[in-house]
Amino acid sequence: MADRFLLVDERRLDADLRARVGRLLAATLDDGPAYLGTASRTLVPFVRAVALAGDGVPVGHAAGFRVPCRPQAEVRGLGDVAVEPHHRGRSLARRLCAMATAACWDDGADLIVAKTRPLRGVAADLGYAALDDFALYVEDEACCWRDPAWMAASRRDVPRLRLLEGDF
């Protein structure tokens, strides 16, 4: 079980913890090697929720991102959720996602988007709902698309939004 949970502002993340989080993400997420060094792929998180084992090694992670969009709106993304295999089944992902979601609300989000299939139950418990239409979409090389794995939580009515980055 994790011994400690941290909510870390990205600007205050020290190089050693960043490297250790990068190794966790590289070992557990699909785009693994892309996380080495910076512990991020496309968007840089503004906040990270990290679960640490007794020896200080990260065993779980979730991040909050500021997602640029048009028209301008306060959109945040929940992503890069990873739990080391030996620590799964202990509600670490649930706690980390709850911490990152709360940080997104505290940061002024009107809408939080999560791209997830494995954590749909966790996201639903945190107030996220599946998106079945093009309320959120991305334009890429003259193509308009939405990700069927997206779920969103909203505090107010948000207009149809074009996300400038759909992968977080």
N, C-alpha and C. Protein backbone atom coordinates (compact mmCIF):
# COMPACT_ATOMS: atom_id res chain seq x y z
N MET A 1 0.84 -1.19 0.00
CA MET A 1 0.00 0.00 0.00
C MET A 1 0.88 1.24 0.00
N ALA A 2 0.35 2.31 -0.56
CA ALA A 2 1.09 3.58 -0.56
C ALA A 2 1.14 4.12 0.86
N ASP A 3 2.27 4.68 1.21
CA ASP A 3 2.44 5.25 2.55
C ASP A 3 2.14 6.74 2.59
N ARG A 4 2.26 7.39 1.43
CA ARG A 4 2.10 8.84 1.40
C ARG A 4 1.49 9.26 0.08
N PHE A 5 0.65 10.29 0.12
CA PHE A 5 0.06 10.87 -1.07
C PHE A 5 0.45 12.34 -1.13
N LEU A 6 0.90 12.78 -2.30
CA LEU A 6 1.30 14.16 -2.49
C LEU A 6 0.46 14.78 -3.60
N LEU A 7 0.14 16.05 -3.44
CA LEU A 7 -0.42 16.84 -4.52
C LEU A 7 0.63 17.90 -4.80
N VAL A 8 1.27 17.83 -5.97
CA VAL A 8 2.43 18.64 -6.26
C VAL A 8 2.17 19.58 -7.44
N ASP A 9 2.38 20.87 -7.22
CA ASP A 9 2.35 21.86 -8.29
C ASP A 9 3.52 21.54 -9.22
N GLU A 10 3.27 21.50 -10.52
CA GLU A 10 4.31 21.14 -11.48
C GLU A 10 5.55 22.03 -11.35
N ARG A 11 5.36 23.29 -11.03
CA ARG A 11 6.50 24.21 -10.90
C ARG A 11 7.37 23.88 -9.69
N ARG A 12 6.84 23.10 -8.77
CA ARG A 12 7.59 22.75 -7.56
C ARG A 12 8.06 21.28 -7.55
N LEU A 13 7.87 20.60 -8.65
CA LEU A 13 8.27 19.20 -8.75
C LEU A 13 9.79 19.13 -8.93
N ASP A 14 10.47 18.52 -7.97
CA ASP A 14 11.93 18.47 -8.09
C ASP A 14 12.34 17.44 -9.13
N ALA A 15 13.55 17.59 -9.64
CA ALA A 15 14.05 16.77 -10.74
C ALA A 15 14.05 15.28 -10.41
N ASP A 16 14.38 14.93 -9.17
CA ASP A 16 14.43 13.52 -8.79
C ASP A 16 13.04 12.89 -8.83
N LEU A 17 12.04 13.58 -8.26
CA LEU A 17 10.69 13.03 -8.28
C LEU A 17 10.16 12.99 -9.71
N ARG A 18 10.45 14.00 -10.52
CA ARG A 18 10.03 14.00 -11.92
C ARG A 18 10.59 12.77 -12.64
N ALA A 19 11.86 12.48 -12.44
CA ALA A 19 12.49 11.32 -13.08
C ALA A 19 11.84 10.02 -12.62
N ARG A 20 11.56 9.92 -11.31
CA ARG A 20 10.95 8.69 -10.78
C ARG A 20 9.52 8.53 -11.29
N VAL A 21 8.76 9.63 -11.39
CA VAL A 21 7.40 9.57 -11.95
C VAL A 21 7.49 9.19 -13.43
N GLY A 22 8.46 9.75 -14.15
CA GLY A 22 8.64 9.40 -15.55
C GLY A 22 8.89 7.91 -15.75
N ARG A 23 9.67 7.31 -14.86
CA ARG A 23 9.92 5.87 -14.96
C ARG A 23 8.65 5.07 -14.68
N LEU A 24 7.84 5.51 -13.69
CA LEU A 24 6.56 4.83 -13.42
C LEU A 24 5.66 4.90 -14.65
N LEU A 25 5.51 6.09 -15.23
CA LEU A 25 4.64 6.26 -16.39
C LEU A 25 5.16 5.47 -17.59
N ALA A 26 6.48 5.49 -17.79
CA ALA A 26 7.08 4.75 -18.90
C ALA A 26 6.85 3.25 -18.77
N ALA A 27 6.84 2.75 -17.54
CA ALA A 27 6.67 1.32 -17.31
C ALA A 27 5.21 0.87 -17.38
N THR A 28 4.26 1.79 -17.23
CA THR A 28 2.86 1.35 -17.11
C THR A 28 1.92 1.88 -18.19
N LEU A 29 2.26 2.94 -18.89
CA LEU A 29 1.34 3.52 -19.87
C LEU A 29 1.75 3.17 -21.30
N ASP A 30 0.78 3.23 -22.22
CA ASP A 30 0.99 2.80 -23.61
C ASP A 30 2.16 3.50 -24.30
N ASP A 31 2.27 4.80 -24.15
CA ASP A 31 3.35 5.55 -24.81
C ASP A 31 4.58 5.63 -23.94
N GLY A 32 4.88 4.56 -23.22
CA GLY A 32 5.92 4.50 -22.21
C GLY A 32 7.16 5.34 -22.38
N PRO A 33 8.00 5.07 -23.38
CA PRO A 33 9.27 5.79 -23.49
C PRO A 33 9.12 7.31 -23.62
N ALA A 34 7.99 7.78 -24.11
CA ALA A 34 7.78 9.22 -24.26
C ALA A 34 7.79 9.95 -22.92
N TYR A 35 7.57 9.22 -21.83
CA TYR A 35 7.50 9.84 -20.50
C TYR A 35 8.86 9.98 -19.82
N LEU A 36 9.85 9.30 -20.33
CA LEU A 36 11.17 9.37 -19.69
C LEU A 36 11.74 10.78 -19.80
N GLY A 37 12.31 11.25 -18.73
CA GLY A 37 12.90 12.58 -18.70
C GLY A 37 11.95 13.63 -18.16
N THR A 38 10.90 13.95 -18.91
CA THR A 38 9.99 15.03 -18.51
C THR A 38 8.77 14.55 -17.74
N ALA A 39 8.47 13.26 -17.79
CA ALA A 39 7.27 12.69 -17.15
C ALA A 39 5.99 13.28 -17.74
N SER A 40 6.05 13.68 -19.02
CA SER A 40 4.86 14.14 -19.73
C SER A 40 5.05 13.87 -21.22
N ARG A 41 3.93 13.93 -21.97
CA ARG A 41 3.98 13.63 -23.40
C ARG A 41 3.58 14.83 -24.24
N THR A 42 2.32 15.22 -24.16
CA THR A 42 1.81 16.30 -25.02
C THR A 42 1.68 17.59 -24.22
N LEU A 43 0.70 17.64 -23.34
CA LEU A 43 0.53 18.80 -22.46
C LEU A 43 1.32 18.58 -21.18
N VAL A 44 1.88 19.65 -20.65
CA VAL A 44 2.59 19.56 -19.37
C VAL A 44 1.56 19.77 -18.27
N PRO A 45 1.50 18.88 -17.27
CA PRO A 45 0.52 19.04 -16.19
C PRO A 45 0.76 20.33 -15.41
N PHE A 46 -0.30 20.83 -14.79
CA PHE A 46 -0.10 21.93 -13.84
C PHE A 46 -0.04 21.37 -12.43
N VAL A 47 -0.56 20.14 -12.24
CA VAL A 47 -0.56 19.51 -10.93
C VAL A 47 -0.45 18.00 -11.10
N ARG A 48 0.17 17.35 -10.12
CA ARG A 48 0.28 15.90 -10.12
C ARG A 48 -0.12 15.37 -8.74
N ALA A 49 -0.89 14.30 -8.74
CA ALA A 49 -1.19 13.55 -7.53
C ALA A 49 -0.30 12.31 -7.59
N VAL A 50 0.49 12.09 -6.54
CA VAL A 50 1.46 11.00 -6.55
C VAL A 50 1.31 10.18 -5.28
N ALA A 51 1.29 8.85 -5.45
CA ALA A 51 1.30 7.92 -4.31
C ALA A 51 2.72 7.38 -4.20
N LEU A 52 3.27 7.46 -2.98
CA LEU A 52 4.64 6.99 -2.73
C LEU A 52 4.64 5.81 -1.78
N ALA A 53 5.49 4.84 -2.08
CA ALA A 53 5.72 3.72 -1.16
C ALA A 53 6.61 4.21 -0.03
N GLY A 54 6.80 3.39 0.97
CA GLY A 54 7.61 3.76 2.14
C GLY A 54 9.02 4.21 1.79
N ASP A 55 9.59 3.67 0.70
CA ASP A 55 10.95 4.04 0.32
C ASP A 55 10.98 5.27 -0.59
N GLY A 56 9.82 5.92 -0.78
CA GLY A 56 9.75 7.13 -1.60
C GLY A 56 9.59 6.89 -3.08
N VAL A 57 9.46 5.65 -3.49
CA VAL A 57 9.29 5.33 -4.91
C VAL A 57 7.82 5.56 -5.30
N PRO A 58 7.56 6.31 -6.38
CA PRO A 58 6.17 6.51 -6.83
C PRO A 58 5.56 5.19 -7.29
N VAL A 59 4.37 4.90 -6.77
CA VAL A 59 3.64 3.69 -7.17
C VAL A 59 2.30 4.03 -7.82
N GLY A 60 1.96 5.32 -7.86
CA GLY A 60 0.73 5.75 -8.51
C GLY A 60 0.81 7.22 -8.88
N HIS A 61 0.05 7.59 -9.91
CA HIS A 61 0.12 8.96 -10.43
C HIS A 61 -1.16 9.30 -11.18
N ALA A 62 -1.59 10.55 -11.07
CA ALA A 62 -2.64 11.14 -11.91
C ALA A 62 -2.29 12.61 -12.06
N ALA A 63 -2.62 13.19 -13.21
CA ALA A 63 -2.24 14.58 -13.47
C ALA A 63 -3.44 15.40 -13.91
N GLY A 64 -3.35 16.69 -13.63
CA GLY A 64 -4.32 17.67 -14.12
C GLY A 64 -3.64 18.57 -15.13
N PHE A 65 -4.32 18.83 -16.24
CA PHE A 65 -3.78 19.63 -17.34
C PHE A 65 -4.71 20.79 -17.65
N ARG A 66 -4.18 21.91 -18.08
CA ARG A 66 -4.97 23.00 -18.65
C ARG A 66 -5.07 22.71 -20.14
N VAL A 67 -6.29 22.55 -20.63
CA VAL A 67 -6.50 22.15 -22.02
C VAL A 67 -6.94 23.36 -22.83
N PRO A 68 -6.13 23.79 -23.78
CA PRO A 68 -6.52 24.93 -24.61
C PRO A 68 -7.68 24.55 -25.53
N CYS A 69 -8.57 25.51 -25.76
CA CYS A 69 -9.73 25.23 -26.59
C CYS A 69 -10.25 26.52 -27.22
N ARG A 70 -11.15 26.35 -28.18
CA ARG A 70 -11.85 27.47 -28.82
C ARG A 70 -13.34 27.15 -28.83
N PRO A 71 -14.22 28.06 -28.46
CA PRO A 71 -13.87 29.33 -27.85
C PRO A 71 -13.18 29.11 -26.50
N GLN A 72 -12.54 30.17 -26.03
CA GLN A 72 -11.81 30.10 -24.76
C GLN A 72 -12.75 29.69 -23.64
N ALA A 73 -12.35 28.71 -22.86
CA ALA A 73 -13.12 28.24 -21.69
C ALA A 73 -12.12 27.64 -20.70
N GLU A 74 -12.54 27.51 -19.48
CA GLU A 74 -11.68 26.94 -18.43
C GLU A 74 -11.84 25.42 -18.43
N VAL A 75 -11.10 24.77 -19.32
CA VAL A 75 -11.15 23.31 -19.47
C VAL A 75 -9.88 22.72 -18.89
N ARG A 76 -10.05 21.67 -18.12
CA ARG A 76 -8.92 20.93 -17.57
C ARG A 76 -9.04 19.48 -18.02
N GLY A 77 -7.94 18.79 -18.02
CA GLY A 77 -7.92 17.38 -18.37
C GLY A 77 -7.38 16.57 -17.22
N LEU A 78 -7.94 15.40 -17.02
CA LEU A 78 -7.45 14.43 -16.05
C LEU A 78 -6.80 13.32 -16.86
N GLY A 79 -5.53 13.04 -16.59
CA GLY A 79 -4.87 12.01 -17.39
C GLY A 79 -3.61 11.48 -16.75
N ASP A 80 -2.87 10.72 -17.56
CA ASP A 80 -1.64 10.07 -17.12
C ASP A 80 -1.84 9.34 -15.80
N VAL A 81 -2.95 8.61 -15.72
CA VAL A 81 -3.25 7.83 -14.51
C VAL A 81 -2.55 6.49 -14.63
N ALA A 82 -1.72 6.19 -13.64
CA ALA A 82 -0.96 4.95 -13.65
C ALA A 82 -0.79 4.45 -12.22
N VAL A 83 -0.90 3.15 -12.05
CA VAL A 83 -0.61 2.50 -10.77
C VAL A 83 0.28 1.30 -11.05
N GLU A 84 1.38 1.22 -10.34
CA GLU A 84 2.32 0.11 -10.48
C GLU A 84 1.55 -1.20 -10.26
N PRO A 85 1.74 -2.20 -11.12
CA PRO A 85 0.93 -3.43 -11.06
C PRO A 85 0.81 -4.08 -9.69
N HIS A 86 1.85 -4.10 -8.90
CA HIS A 86 1.79 -4.76 -7.58
C HIS A 86 0.94 -3.97 -6.57
N HIS A 87 0.55 -2.76 -6.91
CA HIS A 87 -0.22 -1.92 -6.00
C HIS A 87 -1.67 -1.72 -6.47
N ARG A 88 -2.05 -2.40 -7.53
CA ARG A 88 -3.42 -2.27 -8.05
C ARG A 88 -4.40 -3.00 -7.15
N GLY A 89 -5.66 -2.61 -7.27
CA GLY A 89 -6.72 -3.24 -6.48
C GLY A 89 -6.82 -2.69 -5.07
N ARG A 90 -6.20 -1.57 -4.80
CA ARG A 90 -6.21 -0.97 -3.46
C ARG A 90 -6.78 0.44 -3.46
N SER A 91 -7.50 0.78 -4.51
CA SER A 91 -8.15 2.09 -4.66
C SER A 91 -7.19 3.26 -4.80
N LEU A 92 -5.95 3.00 -5.19
CA LEU A 92 -5.00 4.09 -5.38
C LEU A 92 -5.44 4.99 -6.54
N ALA A 93 -5.83 4.40 -7.65
CA ALA A 93 -6.26 5.21 -8.80
C ALA A 93 -7.44 6.09 -8.43
N ARG A 94 -8.38 5.54 -7.68
CA ARG A 94 -9.56 6.31 -7.24
C ARG A 94 -9.12 7.53 -6.41
N ARG A 95 -8.24 7.31 -5.46
CA ARG A 95 -7.81 8.42 -4.60
C ARG A 95 -7.01 9.45 -5.39
N LEU A 96 -6.12 9.00 -6.27
CA LEU A 96 -5.32 9.91 -7.07
C LEU A 96 -6.19 10.72 -8.04
N CYS A 97 -7.15 10.07 -8.67
CA CYS A 97 -8.07 10.77 -9.58
C CYS A 97 -8.92 11.79 -8.81
N ALA A 98 -9.35 11.43 -7.61
CA ALA A 98 -10.13 12.37 -6.79
C ALA A 98 -9.28 13.59 -6.43
N MET A 99 -8.01 13.36 -6.07
CA MET A 99 -7.12 14.47 -5.73
C MET A 99 -6.90 15.38 -6.94
N ALA A 100 -6.62 14.80 -8.10
CA ALA A 100 -6.37 15.59 -9.30
C ALA A 100 -7.63 16.32 -9.75
N THR A 101 -8.79 15.67 -9.64
CA THR A 101 -10.05 16.31 -10.00
C THR A 101 -10.32 17.51 -9.10
N ALA A 102 -10.13 17.34 -7.80
CA ALA A 102 -10.33 18.46 -6.86
C ALA A 102 -9.38 19.61 -7.19
N ALA A 103 -8.15 19.30 -7.55
CA ALA A 103 -7.19 20.35 -7.92
C ALA A 103 -7.64 21.08 -9.18
N CYS A 104 -8.23 20.36 -10.13
CA CYS A 104 -8.75 21.00 -11.35
C CYS A 104 -9.89 21.95 -11.01
N TRP A 105 -10.82 21.53 -10.14
CA TRP A 105 -11.90 22.42 -9.72
C TRP A 105 -11.33 23.64 -9.00
N ASP A 106 -10.38 23.41 -8.12
CA ASP A 106 -9.76 24.52 -7.39
C ASP A 106 -9.03 25.49 -8.31
N ASP A 107 -8.58 25.00 -9.45
CA ASP A 107 -7.87 25.82 -10.42
C ASP A 107 -8.83 26.63 -11.31
N GLY A 108 -10.13 26.50 -11.07
CA GLY A 108 -11.11 27.29 -11.82
C GLY A 108 -11.76 26.61 -13.00
N ALA A 109 -11.65 25.29 -13.07
CA ALA A 109 -12.24 24.57 -14.20
C ALA A 109 -13.76 24.73 -14.25
N ASP A 110 -14.27 24.93 -15.46
CA ASP A 110 -15.71 24.83 -15.72
C ASP A 110 -16.04 23.43 -16.21
N LEU A 111 -15.05 22.78 -16.81
CA LEU A 111 -15.22 21.46 -17.41
C LEU A 111 -13.92 20.69 -17.23
N ILE A 112 -14.03 19.41 -16.86
CA ILE A 112 -12.86 18.54 -16.77
C ILE A 112 -13.13 17.35 -17.68
N VAL A 113 -12.17 17.06 -18.53
CA VAL A 113 -12.29 15.95 -19.48
C VAL A 113 -11.30 14.87 -19.08
N ALA A 114 -11.76 13.64 -19.09
CA ALA A 114 -10.89 12.48 -18.84
C ALA A 114 -10.97 11.57 -20.05
N LYS A 115 -9.84 11.08 -20.48
CA LYS A 115 -9.80 10.13 -21.59
C LYS A 115 -9.45 8.78 -21.00
N THR A 116 -10.46 7.94 -20.81
CA THR A 116 -10.21 6.68 -20.12
C THR A 116 -11.21 5.61 -20.51
N ARG A 117 -10.74 4.42 -20.63
CA ARG A 117 -11.62 3.26 -20.72
C ARG A 117 -11.51 2.46 -19.42
N PRO A 118 -10.29 2.18 -18.95
CA PRO A 118 -10.18 1.34 -17.76
C PRO A 118 -10.75 1.97 -16.49
N LEU A 119 -10.79 3.30 -16.42
CA LEU A 119 -11.23 3.96 -15.18
C LEU A 119 -12.62 4.59 -15.32
N ARG A 120 -13.45 4.07 -16.18
CA ARG A 120 -14.77 4.67 -16.38
C ARG A 120 -15.60 4.64 -15.10
N GLY A 121 -15.52 3.58 -14.33
CA GLY A 121 -16.26 3.50 -13.07
C GLY A 121 -15.77 4.52 -12.06
N VAL A 122 -14.46 4.66 -11.96
CA VAL A 122 -13.88 5.66 -11.05
C VAL A 122 -14.31 7.05 -11.48
N ALA A 123 -14.19 7.35 -12.77
CA ALA A 123 -14.56 8.68 -13.27
C ALA A 123 -16.05 8.94 -13.02
N ALA A 124 -16.90 7.95 -13.27
CA ALA A 124 -18.34 8.13 -13.04
C ALA A 124 -18.61 8.43 -11.57
N ASP A 125 -17.93 7.75 -10.67
CA ASP A 125 -18.10 8.01 -9.24
C ASP A 125 -17.68 9.42 -8.85
N LEU A 126 -16.78 10.02 -9.64
CA LEU A 126 -16.29 11.38 -9.37
C LEU A 126 -17.12 12.44 -10.10
N GLY A 127 -18.20 12.03 -10.75
CA GLY A 127 -19.09 12.99 -11.41
C GLY A 127 -18.90 13.15 -12.91
N TYR A 128 -18.06 12.33 -13.51
CA TYR A 128 -17.85 12.39 -14.95
C TYR A 128 -18.93 11.56 -15.65
N ALA A 129 -19.31 11.99 -16.85
CA ALA A 129 -20.28 11.25 -17.66
C ALA A 129 -19.71 11.06 -19.06
N ALA A 130 -20.10 9.97 -19.71
CA ALA A 130 -19.65 9.70 -21.07
C ALA A 130 -20.18 10.78 -22.01
N LEU A 131 -19.40 11.09 -23.02
CA LEU A 131 -19.81 12.06 -24.03
C LEU A 131 -20.20 11.29 -25.29
N ASP A 132 -21.45 11.44 -25.70
CA ASP A 132 -21.94 10.70 -26.85
C ASP A 132 -22.08 11.54 -28.10
N ASP A 133 -21.74 12.82 -28.03
CA ASP A 133 -21.90 13.67 -29.20
C ASP A 133 -20.62 14.48 -29.43
N PHE A 134 -20.71 15.46 -30.29
CA PHE A 134 -19.55 16.27 -30.63
C PHE A 134 -19.51 17.57 -29.83
N ALA A 135 -19.94 17.54 -28.57
CA ALA A 135 -19.84 18.73 -27.72
C ALA A 135 -18.38 19.13 -27.55
N LEU A 136 -17.49 18.15 -27.55
CA LEU A 136 -16.04 18.37 -27.53
C LEU A 136 -15.47 17.64 -28.74
N TYR A 137 -14.61 18.33 -29.46
CA TYR A 137 -14.01 17.71 -30.64
C TYR A 137 -12.64 18.30 -30.90
N VAL A 138 -11.92 17.64 -31.77
CA VAL A 138 -10.59 18.08 -32.20
C VAL A 138 -10.59 18.11 -33.72
N GLU A 139 -9.98 19.13 -34.29
CA GLU A 139 -9.76 19.18 -35.73
C GLU A 139 -8.30 18.87 -35.98
N ASP A 140 -8.06 17.95 -36.89
CA ASP A 140 -6.69 17.53 -37.17
C ASP A 140 -6.58 17.22 -38.66
N GLU A 141 -5.73 17.96 -39.35
CA GLU A 141 -5.51 17.73 -40.78
C GLU A 141 -6.83 17.64 -41.55
N ALA A 142 -7.66 18.65 -41.38
CA ALA A 142 -8.95 18.78 -42.08
C ALA A 142 -9.95 17.69 -41.68
N CYS A 143 -9.73 17.08 -40.55
CA CYS A 143 -10.64 16.05 -40.06
C CYS A 143 -11.15 16.46 -38.68
N CYS A 144 -12.41 16.25 -38.44
CA CYS A 144 -13.01 16.55 -37.13
C CYS A 144 -13.27 15.22 -36.44
N TRP A 145 -12.78 15.08 -35.21
CA TRP A 145 -12.97 13.82 -34.50
C TRP A 145 -13.19 14.05 -33.01
N ARG A 146 -13.75 13.06 -32.38
CA ARG A 146 -13.89 13.03 -30.93
C ARG A 146 -13.45 11.65 -30.48
N ASP A 147 -13.04 11.55 -29.25
CA ASP A 147 -12.57 10.27 -28.74
C ASP A 147 -13.71 9.60 -27.98
N PRO A 148 -14.10 8.39 -28.35
CA PRO A 148 -15.20 7.72 -27.65
C PRO A 148 -14.89 7.39 -26.19
N ALA A 149 -13.62 7.50 -25.79
CA ALA A 149 -13.25 7.23 -24.40
C ALA A 149 -13.41 8.46 -23.52
N TRP A 150 -13.68 9.64 -24.09
CA TRP A 150 -13.79 10.85 -23.29
C TRP A 150 -14.99 10.80 -22.35
N MET A 151 -14.78 11.27 -21.15
CA MET A 151 -15.84 11.51 -20.18
C MET A 151 -15.61 12.93 -19.68
N ALA A 152 -16.66 13.58 -19.19
CA ALA A 152 -16.49 14.96 -18.73
C ALA A 152 -17.34 15.22 -17.50
N ALA A 153 -16.84 16.12 -16.67
CA ALA A 153 -17.58 16.63 -15.51
C ALA A 153 -17.67 18.13 -15.69
N SER A 154 -18.83 18.70 -15.41
CA SER A 154 -19.03 20.12 -15.66
C SER A 154 -19.73 20.78 -14.48
N ARG A 155 -19.37 22.01 -14.22
CA ARG A 155 -20.02 22.80 -13.17
C ARG A 155 -21.07 23.73 -13.73
N ARG A 156 -20.99 24.01 -15.01
CA ARG A 156 -21.96 24.91 -15.65
C ARG A 156 -22.08 24.52 -17.11
N ASP A 157 -23.06 25.08 -17.78
CA ASP A 157 -23.22 24.80 -19.20
C ASP A 157 -22.01 25.31 -19.96
N VAL A 158 -21.46 24.45 -20.77
CA VAL A 158 -20.29 24.80 -21.56
C VAL A 158 -20.67 24.66 -23.03
N PRO A 159 -20.34 25.66 -23.85
CA PRO A 159 -20.70 25.56 -25.27
C PRO A 159 -19.89 24.47 -25.96
N ARG A 160 -20.28 24.15 -27.17
CA ARG A 160 -19.51 23.21 -27.98
C ARG A 160 -18.08 23.75 -28.08
N LEU A 161 -17.10 22.89 -27.81
CA LEU A 161 -15.70 23.32 -27.75
C LEU A 161 -14.82 22.51 -28.68
N ARG A 162 -13.93 23.20 -29.35
CA ARG A 162 -12.88 22.56 -30.12
C ARG A 162 -11.64 22.50 -29.23
N LEU A 163 -11.25 21.32 -28.82
CA LEU A 163 -10.04 21.16 -28.02
C LEU A 163 -8.84 21.28 -28.95
N LEU A 164 -7.86 22.06 -28.54
CA LEU A 164 -6.66 22.23 -29.37
C LEU A 164 -5.67 21.10 -29.14
N GLU A 165 -5.92 20.29 -28.13
CA GLU A 165 -5.14 19.08 -27.88
C GLU A 165 -6.09 18.03 -27.32
N GLY A 166 -6.19 16.89 -27.95
CA GLY A 166 -7.13 15.87 -27.52
C GLY A 166 -6.50 14.68 -26.84
N ASP A 167 -5.19 14.76 -26.61
CA ASP A 167 -4.49 13.62 -26.03
C ASP A 167 -3.79 14.06 -24.75
N PHE A 168 -4.32 13.62 -23.61
CA PHE A 168 -3.73 14.01 -22.33
C PHE A 168 -3.90 12.89 -21.33
